[in-house]
Amino acid sequence: MGQLDAAGIIDPRLRSSYARARALNAAHGRTYYLATLLLPGWKRPHVHALYGFARYADEIVDDLDSTLTEAE
């Protein structure tokens, strides 16, 4: 049984989104990703999604910072 199945995630669009968050975590947050392997399988997709959200929010703030720096 896969992690998404264990978490009860059956909607295809949600499965795709959780898979994307997992890939993002694996590519950009390697140590965080490896730490998720210590969690039960059903929790991992939710942690990957949280990481994806936090990373996306960080990208927005970083873009704002660079825009403000250029304006100065």
C-alpha atoms as a PDB file:
ATOM      1  CA  MET A   1       0.000   0.000   0.000  1.00  0.00           C
ATOM      2  CA  GLY A   2       1.353   3.413  -0.967  1.00  0.00           C
ATOM      3  CA  GLN A   3       1.557   6.477   1.227  1.00  0.00           C
ATOM      4  CA  LEU A   4      -1.356   8.168  -0.515  1.00  0.00           C
ATOM      5  CA  ASP A   5      -3.491   5.073  -0.082  1.00  0.00           C
ATOM      6  CA  ALA A   6      -2.499   4.834   3.576  1.00  0.00           C
ATOM      7  CA  ALA A   7      -3.491   8.484   4.048  1.00  0.00           C
ATOM      8  CA  GLY A   8      -6.874   7.825   2.434  1.00  0.00           C
ATOM      9  CA  ILE A   9      -6.209  10.192  -0.474  1.00  0.00           C
ATOM     10  CA  ILE A  10      -8.222   8.880  -3.408  1.00  0.00           C
ATOM     11  CA  ASP A  11      -9.106  11.948  -5.500  1.00  0.00           C
ATOM     12  CA  PRO A  12      -6.863  11.910  -8.611  1.00  0.00           C
ATOM     13  CA  ARG A  13      -6.253  15.678  -8.513  1.00  0.00           C
ATOM     14  CA  LEU A  14      -5.272  15.549  -4.861  1.00  0.00           C
ATOM     15  CA  ARG A  15      -3.032  12.555  -5.507  1.00  0.00           C
ATOM     16  CA  SER A  16      -1.294  14.510  -8.257  1.00  0.00           C
ATOM     17  CA  SER A  17      -0.848  17.537  -5.991  1.00  0.00           C
ATOM     18  CA  TYR A  18       0.518  15.450  -3.124  1.00  0.00           C
ATOM     19  CA  ALA A  19       2.902  13.686  -5.530  1.00  0.00           C
ATOM     20  CA  ARG A  20       4.125  17.076  -6.761  1.00  0.00           C
ATOM     21  CA  ALA A  21       4.676  18.266  -3.189  1.00  0.00           C
ATOM     22  CA  ARG A  22       6.622  15.081  -2.448  1.00  0.00           C
ATOM     23  CA  ALA A  23       8.840  15.606  -5.510  1.00  0.00           C
ATOM     24  CA  LEU A  24       9.423  19.238  -4.516  1.00  0.00           C
ATOM     25  CA  ASN A  25      10.414  18.166  -1.026  1.00  0.00           C
ATOM     26  CA  ALA A  26      12.752  15.474  -2.336  1.00  0.00           C
ATOM     27  CA  ALA A  27      14.429  17.854  -4.794  1.00  0.00           C
ATOM     28  CA  HIS A  28      14.806  20.951  -2.626  1.00  0.00           C
ATOM     29  CA  GLY A  29      14.615  19.825   0.975  1.00  0.00           C
ATOM     30  CA  ARG A  30      16.597  16.633   0.985  1.00  0.00           C
ATOM     31  CA  THR A  31      17.233  16.453   4.732  1.00  0.00           C
ATOM     32  CA  TYR A  32      13.595  17.295   5.487  1.00  0.00           C
ATOM     33  CA  TYR A  33      12.514  14.683   2.972  1.00  0.00           C
ATOM     34  CA  LEU A  34      14.731  12.031   4.544  1.00  0.00           C
ATOM     35  CA  ALA A  35      13.347  12.927   7.966  1.00  0.00           C
ATOM     36  CA  THR A  36       9.825  12.194   6.715  1.00  0.00           C
ATOM     37  CA  LEU A  37      10.872   8.586   6.230  1.00  0.00           C
ATOM     38  CA  LEU A  38      10.807   8.282  10.017  1.00  0.00           C
ATOM     39  CA  LEU A  39       7.092   9.136  10.045  1.00  0.00           C
ATOM     40  CA  PRO A  40       4.269   6.661   9.501  1.00  0.00           C
ATOM     41  CA  GLY A  41       3.385   6.419   5.806  1.00  0.00           C
ATOM     42  CA  TRP A  42      -0.053   7.945   6.260  1.00  0.00           C
ATOM     43  CA  LYS A  43       1.467  11.156   7.691  1.00  0.00           C
ATOM     44  CA  ARG A  44       4.096  11.707   5.014  1.00  0.00           C
ATOM     45  CA  PRO A  45       1.877  13.170   2.263  1.00  0.00           C
ATOM     46  CA  HIS A  46       0.570  15.784   4.681  1.00  0.00           C
ATOM     47  CA  VAL A  47       4.087  16.774   5.754  1.00  0.00           C
ATOM     48  CA  HIS A  48       5.186  16.996   2.103  1.00  0.00           C
ATOM     49  CA  ALA A  49       2.213  19.275   1.400  1.00  0.00           C
ATOM     50  CA  LEU A  50       3.108  21.471   4.364  1.00  0.00           C
ATOM     51  CA  TYR A  51       6.699  21.700   3.117  1.00  0.00           C
ATOM     52  CA  GLY A  52       5.440  22.637  -0.351  1.00  0.00           C
ATOM     53  CA  PHE A  53       3.223  25.362   1.088  1.00  0.00           C
ATOM     54  CA  ALA A  54       6.041  26.789   3.212  1.00  0.00           C
ATOM     55  CA  ARG A  55       8.465  26.708   0.289  1.00  0.00           C
ATOM     56  CA  TYR A  56       5.955  28.453  -1.975  1.00  0.00           C
ATOM     57  CA  ALA A  57       5.363  31.153   0.651  1.00  0.00           C
ATOM     58  CA  ASP A  58       9.136  31.585   1.024  1.00  0.00           C
ATOM     59  CA  GLU A  59       9.490  32.026  -2.749  1.00  0.00           C
ATOM     60  CA  ILE A  60       6.866  34.790  -2.667  1.00  0.00           C
ATOM     61  CA  VAL A  61       8.700  36.618   0.117  1.00  0.00           C
ATOM     62  CA  ASP A  62      12.053  36.195  -1.625  1.00  0.00           C
ATOM     63  CA  ASP A  63      10.596  37.627  -4.844  1.00  0.00           C
ATOM     64  CA  LEU A  64       9.204  40.599  -2.914  1.00  0.00           C
ATOM     65  CA  ASP A  65      12.588  41.194  -1.288  1.00  0.00           C
ATOM     66  CA  SER A  66      14.369  41.188  -4.647  1.00  0.00           C
ATOM     67  CA  THR A  67      11.761  43.558  -6.114  1.00  0.00           C
ATOM     68  CA  LEU A  68      12.179  45.963  -3.201  1.00  0.00           C
ATOM     69  CA  THR A  69      15.973  45.829  -3.488  1.00  0.00           C
ATOM     70  CA  GLU A  70      15.819  46.625  -7.212  1.00  0.00           C
ATOM     71  CA  ALA A  71      13.471  49.560  -6.551  1.00  0.00           C
ATOM     72  CA  GLU A  72      15.908  51.103  -4.076  1.00  0.00           C
END
